[in-house]
Amino acid sequence: MDRSALGACGRSHPEPRAEAQLEPGKTRVFIVDDHPMIRIGLRATIAAEDDLLFVGEAADGEEAVQLIPACRPDVVLVDLVMPRLDGIGVITRLRHLLPSQPPTRFVVLTSLLEPAEVRRAIEAGASGYLMKNASSQELFSVILAVRSGRRVLGPEVTDALVGDAQLPRVGADLTQRERELLALMAQGMSNQEIAKRLEIAVPTVKFHITNILDKLQVGNRTEAVIAALEHKLVPR
């Protein structure tokens, strides 16, 4: 591989090169993706923009954590699903490793359009979330926007979040008492044990369980516990 294609501190060349350091007006971009063709395409996109400077790349999350502190990019483009360490892990670990000033911004660039993953990425510290089918101009705009401190979501991502917010949350209508029963069910307690713990009658326990099954739209206690764990209604 041509070492010059790897940027200032690429996968086999971790020391920053002088020519990359002498362009202070440009936004320094690092790429993290396990697909070589994606990295090649992103490098070409960055090279075509006078305001951007490609400084390095990594093929998985662990490699990114090793290389990025030496590269000191302004913006990291990171995939979500990767071997060894996923994109969320990369963001989380680097936010603790990198100095807060000047800040390094993270843009998730992925094919995964799941509202839950978008929220996880934002909670981890991502400033942007963009689909891999975004245009070069859209990517360029997002990179500059997050560099300036803004948070930017691609249009498809925004639509997915809005649509998800309009859906009723599983278990949202459970009462506090029903949640208490559900947690005890998840611990494997019988109706009699639950009644004793909560100091209520067994028929009352059965009444609450019937309501729980109805609200979770499941057929039995086992399915109720599985649904509760999947939707984080009770602690694991």
C-alpha atoms as a PDB file:
ATOM      1  CA  MET A   1       0.000   0.000   0.000  1.00  0.00           C
ATOM      2  CA  ASP A   2       1.143   3.527  -0.768  1.00  0.00           C
ATOM      3  CA  ARG A   3       2.074   4.983   2.605  1.00  0.00           C
ATOM      4  CA  SER A   4       1.058   8.450   1.434  1.00  0.00           C
ATOM      5  CA  ALA A   5      -2.513   7.201   1.155  1.00  0.00           C
ATOM      6  CA  LEU A   6      -2.563   6.558   4.876  1.00  0.00           C
ATOM      7  CA  GLY A   7      -2.418  10.201   5.895  1.00  0.00           C
ATOM      8  CA  ALA A   8      -0.456  11.810   8.668  1.00  0.00           C
ATOM      9  CA  CYS A   9      -0.720   8.875  11.058  1.00  0.00           C
ATOM     10  CA  GLY A  10      -2.213   5.976   9.197  1.00  0.00           C
ATOM     11  CA  ARG A  11      -2.315   2.316  10.083  1.00  0.00           C
ATOM     12  CA  SER A  12       1.385   1.626   9.425  1.00  0.00           C
ATOM     13  CA  HIS A  13       2.661   5.168   9.981  1.00  0.00           C
ATOM     14  CA  PRO A  14       1.547   6.441  13.421  1.00  0.00           C
ATOM     15  CA  GLU A  15       3.935   9.423  13.641  1.00  0.00           C
ATOM     16  CA  PRO A  16       2.396  12.713  12.405  1.00  0.00           C
ATOM     17  CA  ARG A  17       4.142  13.997   9.297  1.00  0.00           C
ATOM     18  CA  ALA A  18       5.283  17.602   8.971  1.00  0.00           C
ATOM     19  CA  GLU A  19       3.253  18.454   5.875  1.00  0.00           C
ATOM     20  CA  ALA A  20       0.007  17.522   7.629  1.00  0.00           C
ATOM     21  CA  GLN A  21       0.841  19.728  10.583  1.00  0.00           C
ATOM     22  CA  LEU A  22       1.494  22.771   8.398  1.00  0.00           C
ATOM     23  CA  GLU A  23      -2.117  23.173   7.262  1.00  0.00           C
ATOM     24  CA  PRO A  24      -3.817  24.598  10.367  1.00  0.00           C
ATOM     25  CA  GLY A  25      -6.855  25.956   8.493  1.00  0.00           C
ATOM     26  CA  LYS A  26      -8.050  22.530   7.423  1.00  0.00           C
ATOM     27  CA  THR A  27     -10.321  20.138   9.307  1.00  0.00           C
ATOM     28  CA  ARG A  28      -8.334  16.999  10.102  1.00  0.00           C
ATOM     29  CA  VAL A  29     -10.350  13.826   9.460  1.00  0.00           C
ATOM     30  CA  PHE A  30      -9.677  10.252  10.584  1.00  0.00           C
ATOM     31  CA  ILE A  31     -11.593   7.250   9.163  1.00  0.00           C
ATOM     32  CA  VAL A  32     -12.565   4.120  11.113  1.00  0.00           C
ATOM     33  CA  ASP A  33     -14.209   1.370   9.044  1.00  0.00           C
ATOM     34  CA  ASP A  34     -13.532  -2.330   8.553  1.00  0.00           C
ATOM     35  CA  HIS A  35     -14.372  -2.251   4.814  1.00  0.00           C
ATOM     36  CA  PRO A  36     -11.383  -1.238   2.624  1.00  0.00           C
ATOM     37  CA  MET A  37     -13.565   0.042  -0.217  1.00  0.00           C
ATOM     38  CA  ILE A  38     -15.436   2.344   2.158  1.00  0.00           C
ATOM     39  CA  ARG A  39     -12.157   3.773   3.419  1.00  0.00           C
ATOM     40  CA  ILE A  40     -10.918   4.291  -0.149  1.00  0.00           C
ATOM     41  CA  GLY A  41     -14.118   6.112  -1.092  1.00  0.00           C
ATOM     42  CA  LEU A  42     -13.985   8.323   1.993  1.00  0.00           C
ATOM     43  CA  ARG A  43     -10.345   9.184   1.373  1.00  0.00           C
ATOM     44  CA  ALA A  44     -11.255  10.287  -2.153  1.00  0.00           C
ATOM     45  CA  THR A  45     -14.127  12.406  -0.834  1.00  0.00           C
ATOM     46  CA  ILE A  46     -11.883  14.099   1.713  1.00  0.00           C
ATOM     47  CA  ALA A  47      -9.107  14.678  -0.822  1.00  0.00           C
ATOM     48  CA  ALA A  48     -11.557  16.451  -3.126  1.00  0.00           C
ATOM     49  CA  GLU A  49     -12.363  19.098  -0.510  1.00  0.00           C
ATOM     50  CA  ASP A  50      -9.839  21.893   0.038  1.00  0.00           C
ATOM     51  CA  ASP A  51     -11.082  22.453   3.597  1.00  0.00           C
ATOM     52  CA  LEU A  52     -10.482  18.859   4.698  1.00  0.00           C
ATOM     53  CA  LEU A  53      -7.293  16.955   5.433  1.00  0.00           C
ATOM     54  CA  PHE A  54      -7.165  13.165   5.697  1.00  0.00           C
ATOM     55  CA  VAL A  55      -4.842  12.267   8.587  1.00  0.00           C
ATOM     56  CA  GLY A  56      -5.268   8.525   9.030  1.00  0.00           C
ATOM     57  CA  GLU A  57      -7.436   5.428   9.116  1.00  0.00           C
ATOM     58  CA  ALA A  58      -8.093   2.270  11.102  1.00  0.00           C
ATOM     59  CA  ALA A  59      -9.702  -1.017  10.095  1.00  0.00           C
ATOM     60  CA  ASP A  60     -11.268  -1.803  13.483  1.00  0.00           C
ATOM     61  CA  GLY A  61     -12.105  -0.207  16.783  1.00  0.00           C
ATOM     62  CA  GLU A  62      -9.075  -1.335  18.761  1.00  0.00           C
ATOM     63  CA  GLU A  63      -6.730  -0.054  16.069  1.00  0.00           C
ATOM     64  CA  ALA A  64      -8.555   3.270  16.086  1.00  0.00           C
ATOM     65  CA  VAL A  65      -8.096   3.658  19.846  1.00  0.00           C
ATOM     66  CA  GLN A  66      -4.367   2.995  19.423  1.00  0.00           C
ATOM     67  CA  LEU A  67      -3.803   5.410  16.514  1.00  0.00           C
ATOM     68  CA  ILE A  68      -6.119   8.351  17.023  1.00  0.00           C
ATOM     69  CA  PRO A  69      -4.450   9.911  20.094  1.00  0.00           C
ATOM     70  CA  ALA A  70      -1.275  10.407  18.002  1.00  0.00           C
ATOM     71  CA  CYS A  71      -3.214  11.754  15.021  1.00  0.00           C
ATOM     72  CA  ARG A  72      -5.237  14.366  16.920  1.00  0.00           C
ATOM     73  CA  PRO A  73      -8.015  14.639  14.306  1.00  0.00           C
ATOM     74  CA  ASP A  74     -10.726  17.270  14.496  1.00  0.00           C
ATOM     75  CA  VAL A  75     -13.364  14.814  13.267  1.00  0.00           C
ATOM     76  CA  VAL A  76     -13.495  11.009  13.340  1.00  0.00           C
ATOM     77  CA  LEU A  77     -15.773   9.187  10.889  1.00  0.00           C
ATOM     78  CA  VAL A  78     -16.607   5.901  12.570  1.00  0.00           C
ATOM     79  CA  ASP A  79     -18.657   2.868  11.571  1.00  0.00           C
ATOM     80  CA  LEU A  80     -20.853   1.224  14.201  1.00  0.00           C
ATOM     81  CA  VAL A  81     -20.420  -2.480  13.474  1.00  0.00           C
ATOM     82  CA  MET A  82     -16.754  -3.512  13.462  1.00  0.00           C
ATOM     83  CA  PRO A  83     -14.584  -6.356  14.755  1.00  0.00           C
ATOM     84  CA  ARG A  84     -12.830  -6.227  18.137  1.00  0.00           C
ATOM     85  CA  LEU A  85     -14.470  -2.972  19.245  1.00  0.00           C
ATOM     86  CA  ASP A  86     -17.617  -1.355  17.851  1.00  0.00           C
ATOM     87  CA  GLY A  87     -18.151   2.318  17.078  1.00  0.00           C
ATOM     88  CA  ILE A  88     -19.837   3.049  20.400  1.00  0.00           C
ATOM     89  CA  GLY A  89     -16.849   1.554  22.196  1.00  0.00           C
ATOM     90  CA  VAL A  90     -14.453   3.647  20.124  1.00  0.00           C
ATOM     91  CA  ILE A  91     -16.276   6.868  20.974  1.00  0.00           C
ATOM     92  CA  THR A  92     -16.589   6.003  24.651  1.00  0.00           C
ATOM     93  CA  ARG A  93     -12.944   5.089  25.119  1.00  0.00           C
ATOM     94  CA  LEU A  94     -11.522   7.955  23.096  1.00  0.00           C
ATOM     95  CA  ARG A  95     -13.594  10.554  24.906  1.00  0.00           C
ATOM     96  CA  HIS A  96     -11.733   9.506  28.047  1.00  0.00           C
ATOM     97  CA  LEU A  97      -8.332   9.330  26.349  1.00  0.00           C
ATOM     98  CA  LEU A  98      -8.361  12.539  24.302  1.00  0.00           C
ATOM     99  CA  PRO A  99      -7.997  16.023  25.778  1.00  0.00           C
ATOM    100  CA  SER A 100     -11.166  18.119  25.840  1.00  0.00           C
ATOM    101  CA  GLN A 101      -9.427  21.025  24.106  1.00  0.00           C
ATOM    102  CA  PRO A 102      -9.272  21.148  21.208  1.00  0.00           C
ATOM    103  CA  PRO A 103     -12.228  18.747  21.034  1.00  0.00           C
ATOM    104  CA  THR A 104     -12.371  15.763  18.708  1.00  0.00           C
ATOM    105  CA  ARG A 105     -15.844  15.302  17.240  1.00  0.00           C
ATOM    106  CA  PHE A 106     -17.288  11.938  16.216  1.00  0.00           C
ATOM    107  CA  VAL A 107     -19.574  11.292  13.249  1.00  0.00           C
ATOM    108  CA  VAL A 108     -21.136   7.841  13.005  1.00  0.00           C
ATOM    109  CA  LEU A 109     -21.200   6.777   9.363  1.00  0.00           C
ATOM    110  CA  THR A 110     -23.145   3.548   9.078  1.00  0.00           C
ATOM    111  CA  SER A 111     -25.746   1.454   7.274  1.00  0.00           C
ATOM    112  CA  LEU A 112     -27.560   0.770  10.553  1.00  0.00           C
ATOM    113  CA  LEU A 113     -30.739   2.812  10.888  1.00  0.00           C
ATOM    114  CA  GLU A 114     -32.073   1.758  14.270  1.00  0.00           C
ATOM    115  CA  PRO A 115     -33.407   4.494  16.578  1.00  0.00           C
ATOM    116  CA  ALA A 116     -31.997   2.687  19.612  1.00  0.00           C
ATOM    117  CA  GLU A 117     -28.509   2.687  18.072  1.00  0.00           C
ATOM    118  CA  VAL A 118     -28.801   6.375  17.179  1.00  0.00           C
ATOM    119  CA  ARG A 119     -29.629   7.167  20.800  1.00  0.00           C
ATOM    120  CA  ARG A 120     -26.744   5.014  22.048  1.00  0.00           C
ATOM    121  CA  ALA A 121     -24.334   6.816  19.742  1.00  0.00           C
ATOM    122  CA  ILE A 122     -25.508  10.247  20.858  1.00  0.00           C
ATOM    123  CA  GLU A 123     -25.369   9.241  24.524  1.00  0.00           C
ATOM    124  CA  ALA A 124     -21.807   7.963  23.978  1.00  0.00           C
ATOM    125  CA  GLY A 125     -20.780  11.341  22.579  1.00  0.00           C
ATOM    126  CA  ALA A 126     -21.350  11.297  18.815  1.00  0.00           C
ATOM    127  CA  SER A 127     -21.956  14.722  17.313  1.00  0.00           C
ATOM    128  CA  GLY A 128     -23.267  13.377  14.016  1.00  0.00           C
ATOM    129  CA  TYR A 129     -25.051  10.315  12.659  1.00  0.00           C
ATOM    130  CA  LEU A 130     -25.135   9.794   8.903  1.00  0.00           C
ATOM    131  CA  MET A 131     -26.017   6.943   6.573  1.00  0.00           C
ATOM    132  CA  LYS A 132     -23.357   5.543   4.246  1.00  0.00           C
ATOM    133  CA  ASN A 133     -25.491   6.368   1.208  1.00  0.00           C
ATOM    134  CA  ALA A 134     -25.181  10.099   1.966  1.00  0.00           C
ATOM    135  CA  SER A 135     -23.794  12.279  -0.813  1.00  0.00           C
ATOM    136  CA  SER A 136     -20.260  13.660  -0.706  1.00  0.00           C
ATOM    137  CA  GLN A 137     -21.635  17.165  -0.233  1.00  0.00           C
ATOM    138  CA  GLU A 138     -23.810  16.032   2.668  1.00  0.00           C
ATOM    139  CA  LEU A 139     -20.835  14.367   4.337  1.00  0.00           C
ATOM    140  CA  PHE A 140     -18.713  17.470   3.807  1.00  0.00           C
ATOM    141  CA  SER A 141     -21.404  19.671   5.361  1.00  0.00           C
ATOM    142  CA  VAL A 142     -21.795  17.388   8.379  1.00  0.00           C
ATOM    143  CA  ILE A 143     -18.035  17.287   9.004  1.00  0.00           C
ATOM    144  CA  LEU A 144     -17.800  21.083   9.007  1.00  0.00           C
ATOM    145  CA  ALA A 145     -20.950  21.418  11.118  1.00  0.00           C
ATOM    146  CA  VAL A 146     -19.763  19.092  13.890  1.00  0.00           C
ATOM    147  CA  ARG A 147     -16.320  20.710  13.807  1.00  0.00           C
ATOM    148  CA  SER A 148     -18.039  23.996  14.671  1.00  0.00           C
ATOM    149  CA  GLY A 149     -19.762  22.355  17.640  1.00  0.00           C
ATOM    150  CA  ARG A 150     -23.150  21.516  16.170  1.00  0.00           C
ATOM    151  CA  ARG A 151     -24.938  18.176  16.427  1.00  0.00           C
ATOM    152  CA  VAL A 152     -26.181  16.924  13.074  1.00  0.00           C
ATOM    153  CA  LEU A 153     -28.332  13.954  12.102  1.00  0.00           C
ATOM    154  CA  GLY A 154     -28.886  12.882   8.505  1.00  0.00           C
ATOM    155  CA  PRO A 155     -32.440  13.327   7.156  1.00  0.00           C
ATOM    156  CA  GLU A 156     -33.158   9.573   7.166  1.00  0.00           C
ATOM    157  CA  VAL A 157     -31.932   9.352  10.744  1.00  0.00           C
ATOM    158  CA  THR A 158     -34.157  12.229  11.849  1.00  0.00           C
ATOM    159  CA  ASP A 159     -37.178  10.643  10.149  1.00  0.00           C
ATOM    160  CA  ALA A 160     -36.486   7.320  11.889  1.00  0.00           C
ATOM    161  CA  LEU A 161     -36.272   8.988  15.299  1.00  0.00           C
ATOM    162  CA  VAL A 162     -39.478  10.947  14.744  1.00  0.00           C
ATOM    163  CA  GLY A 163     -41.301   7.817  13.612  1.00  0.00           C
ATOM    164  CA  ASP A 164     -40.010   5.833  16.560  1.00  0.00           C
ATOM    165  CA  ALA A 165     -41.072   8.547  19.007  1.00  0.00           C
ATOM    166  CA  GLN A 166     -44.625   8.287  17.716  1.00  0.00           C
ATOM    167  CA  LEU A 167     -44.810   4.559  18.489  1.00  0.00           C
ATOM    168  CA  PRO A 168     -46.143   3.542  21.899  1.00  0.00           C
ATOM    169  CA  ARG A 169     -43.409   2.261  24.208  1.00  0.00           C
ATOM    170  CA  VAL A 170     -43.732  -1.344  25.332  1.00  0.00           C
ATOM    171  CA  GLY A 171     -44.714  -1.309  28.973  1.00  0.00           C
ATOM    172  CA  ALA A 172     -45.289   2.439  29.111  1.00  0.00           C
ATOM    173  CA  ASP A 173     -48.757   1.936  30.562  1.00  0.00           C
ATOM    174  CA  LEU A 174     -47.690  -0.399  33.372  1.00  0.00           C
ATOM    175  CA  THR A 175     -48.498   0.912  36.840  1.00  0.00           C
ATOM    176  CA  GLN A 176     -45.857   1.085  39.552  1.00  0.00           C
ATOM    177  CA  ARG A 177     -47.405  -1.926  41.290  1.00  0.00           C
ATOM    178  CA  GLU A 178     -47.392  -3.912  38.032  1.00  0.00           C
ATOM    179  CA  ARG A 179     -43.724  -3.071  37.544  1.00  0.00           C
ATOM    180  CA  GLU A 180     -42.993  -4.308  41.050  1.00  0.00           C
ATOM    181  CA  LEU A 181     -44.734  -7.590  40.295  1.00  0.00           C
ATOM    182  CA  LEU A 182     -42.928  -7.910  36.976  1.00  0.00           C
ATOM    183  CA  ALA A 183     -39.560  -7.480  38.693  1.00  0.00           C
ATOM    184  CA  LEU A 184     -40.431 -10.214  41.195  1.00  0.00           C
ATOM    185  CA  MET A 185     -41.634 -12.466  38.370  1.00  0.00           C
ATOM    186  CA  ALA A 186     -38.256 -11.928  36.687  1.00  0.00           C
ATOM    187  CA  GLN A 187     -36.630 -13.183  39.899  1.00  0.00           C
ATOM    188  CA  GLY A 188     -38.569 -16.429  39.518  1.00  0.00           C
ATOM    189  CA  MET A 189     -41.006 -15.903  42.386  1.00  0.00           C
ATOM    190  CA  SER A 190     -44.315 -17.774  42.459  1.00  0.00           C
ATOM    191  CA  ASN A 191     -47.678 -16.073  42.970  1.00  0.00           C
ATOM    192  CA  GLN A 192     -47.632 -17.088  46.629  1.00  0.00           C
ATOM    193  CA  GLU A 193     -44.114 -15.697  47.141  1.00  0.00           C
ATOM    194  CA  ILE A 194     -45.039 -12.442  45.448  1.00  0.00           C
ATOM    195  CA  ALA A 195     -48.164 -12.140  47.583  1.00  0.00           C
ATOM    196  CA  LYS A 196     -46.111 -12.641  50.742  1.00  0.00           C
ATOM    197  CA  ARG A 197     -43.409 -10.155  49.640  1.00  0.00           C
ATOM    198  CA  LEU A 198     -45.912  -7.432  48.726  1.00  0.00           C
ATOM    199  CA  GLU A 199     -48.322  -8.324  51.547  1.00  0.00           C
ATOM    200  CA  ILE A 200     -51.295  -8.724  49.220  1.00  0.00           C
ATOM    201  CA  ALA A 201     -53.688 -11.591  48.509  1.00  0.00           C
ATOM    202  CA  VAL A 202     -52.869 -14.234  45.882  1.00  0.00           C
ATOM    203  CA  PRO A 203     -56.027 -13.360  43.850  1.00  0.00           C
ATOM    204  CA  THR A 204     -54.765  -9.773  43.736  1.00  0.00           C
ATOM    205  CA  VAL A 205     -51.427 -10.999  42.393  1.00  0.00           C
ATOM    206  CA  LYS A 206     -53.247 -12.970  39.701  1.00  0.00           C
ATOM    207  CA  PHE A 207     -55.309  -9.904  38.814  1.00  0.00           C
ATOM    208  CA  HIS A 208     -52.164  -7.800  38.356  1.00  0.00           C
ATOM    209  CA  ILE A 209     -50.449 -10.517  36.303  1.00  0.00           C
ATOM    210  CA  THR A 210     -53.450 -10.702  33.982  1.00  0.00           C
ATOM    211  CA  ASN A 211     -53.159  -6.959  33.430  1.00  0.00           C
ATOM    212  CA  ILE A 212     -49.403  -7.247  32.843  1.00  0.00           C
ATOM    213  CA  LEU A 213     -49.873  -9.955  30.205  1.00  0.00           C
ATOM    214  CA  ASP A 214     -52.512  -7.883  28.484  1.00  0.00           C
ATOM    215  CA  LYS A 215     -50.430  -4.690  28.446  1.00  0.00           C
ATOM    216  CA  LEU A 216     -47.314  -6.482  27.199  1.00  0.00           C
ATOM    217  CA  GLN A 217     -49.401  -8.447  24.685  1.00  0.00           C
ATOM    218  CA  VAL A 218     -47.929 -11.789  25.721  1.00  0.00           C
ATOM    219  CA  GLY A 219     -49.502 -15.124  26.587  1.00  0.00           C
ATOM    220  CA  ASN A 220     -47.809 -16.257  29.788  1.00  0.00           C
ATOM    221  CA  ARG A 221     -45.428 -15.330  32.602  1.00  0.00           C
ATOM    222  CA  THR A 222     -42.322 -16.531  30.760  1.00  0.00           C
ATOM    223  CA  GLU A 223     -43.073 -14.367  27.746  1.00  0.00           C
ATOM    224  CA  ALA A 224     -43.784 -11.437  30.058  1.00  0.00           C
ATOM    225  CA  VAL A 225     -40.376 -11.775  31.718  1.00  0.00           C
ATOM    226  CA  ILE A 226     -38.637 -12.070  28.337  1.00  0.00           C
ATOM    227  CA  ALA A 227     -40.407  -8.943  27.090  1.00  0.00           C
ATOM    228  CA  ALA A 228     -39.547  -7.099  30.292  1.00  0.00           C
ATOM    229  CA  LEU A 229     -35.853  -7.940  29.941  1.00  0.00           C
ATOM    230  CA  GLU A 230     -35.739  -7.089  26.231  1.00  0.00           C
ATOM    231  CA  HIS A 231     -37.336  -3.696  26.798  1.00  0.00           C
ATOM    232  CA  LYS A 232     -35.411  -3.014  30.024  1.00  0.00           C
ATOM    233  CA  LEU A 233     -38.541  -2.825  32.169  1.00  0.00           C
ATOM    234  CA  VAL A 234     -36.760  -4.742  34.917  1.00  0.00           C
ATOM    235  CA  PRO A 235     -33.071  -5.034  35.870  1.00  0.00           C
ATOM    236  CA  ARG A 236     -31.172  -8.017  34.510  1.00  0.00           C
END
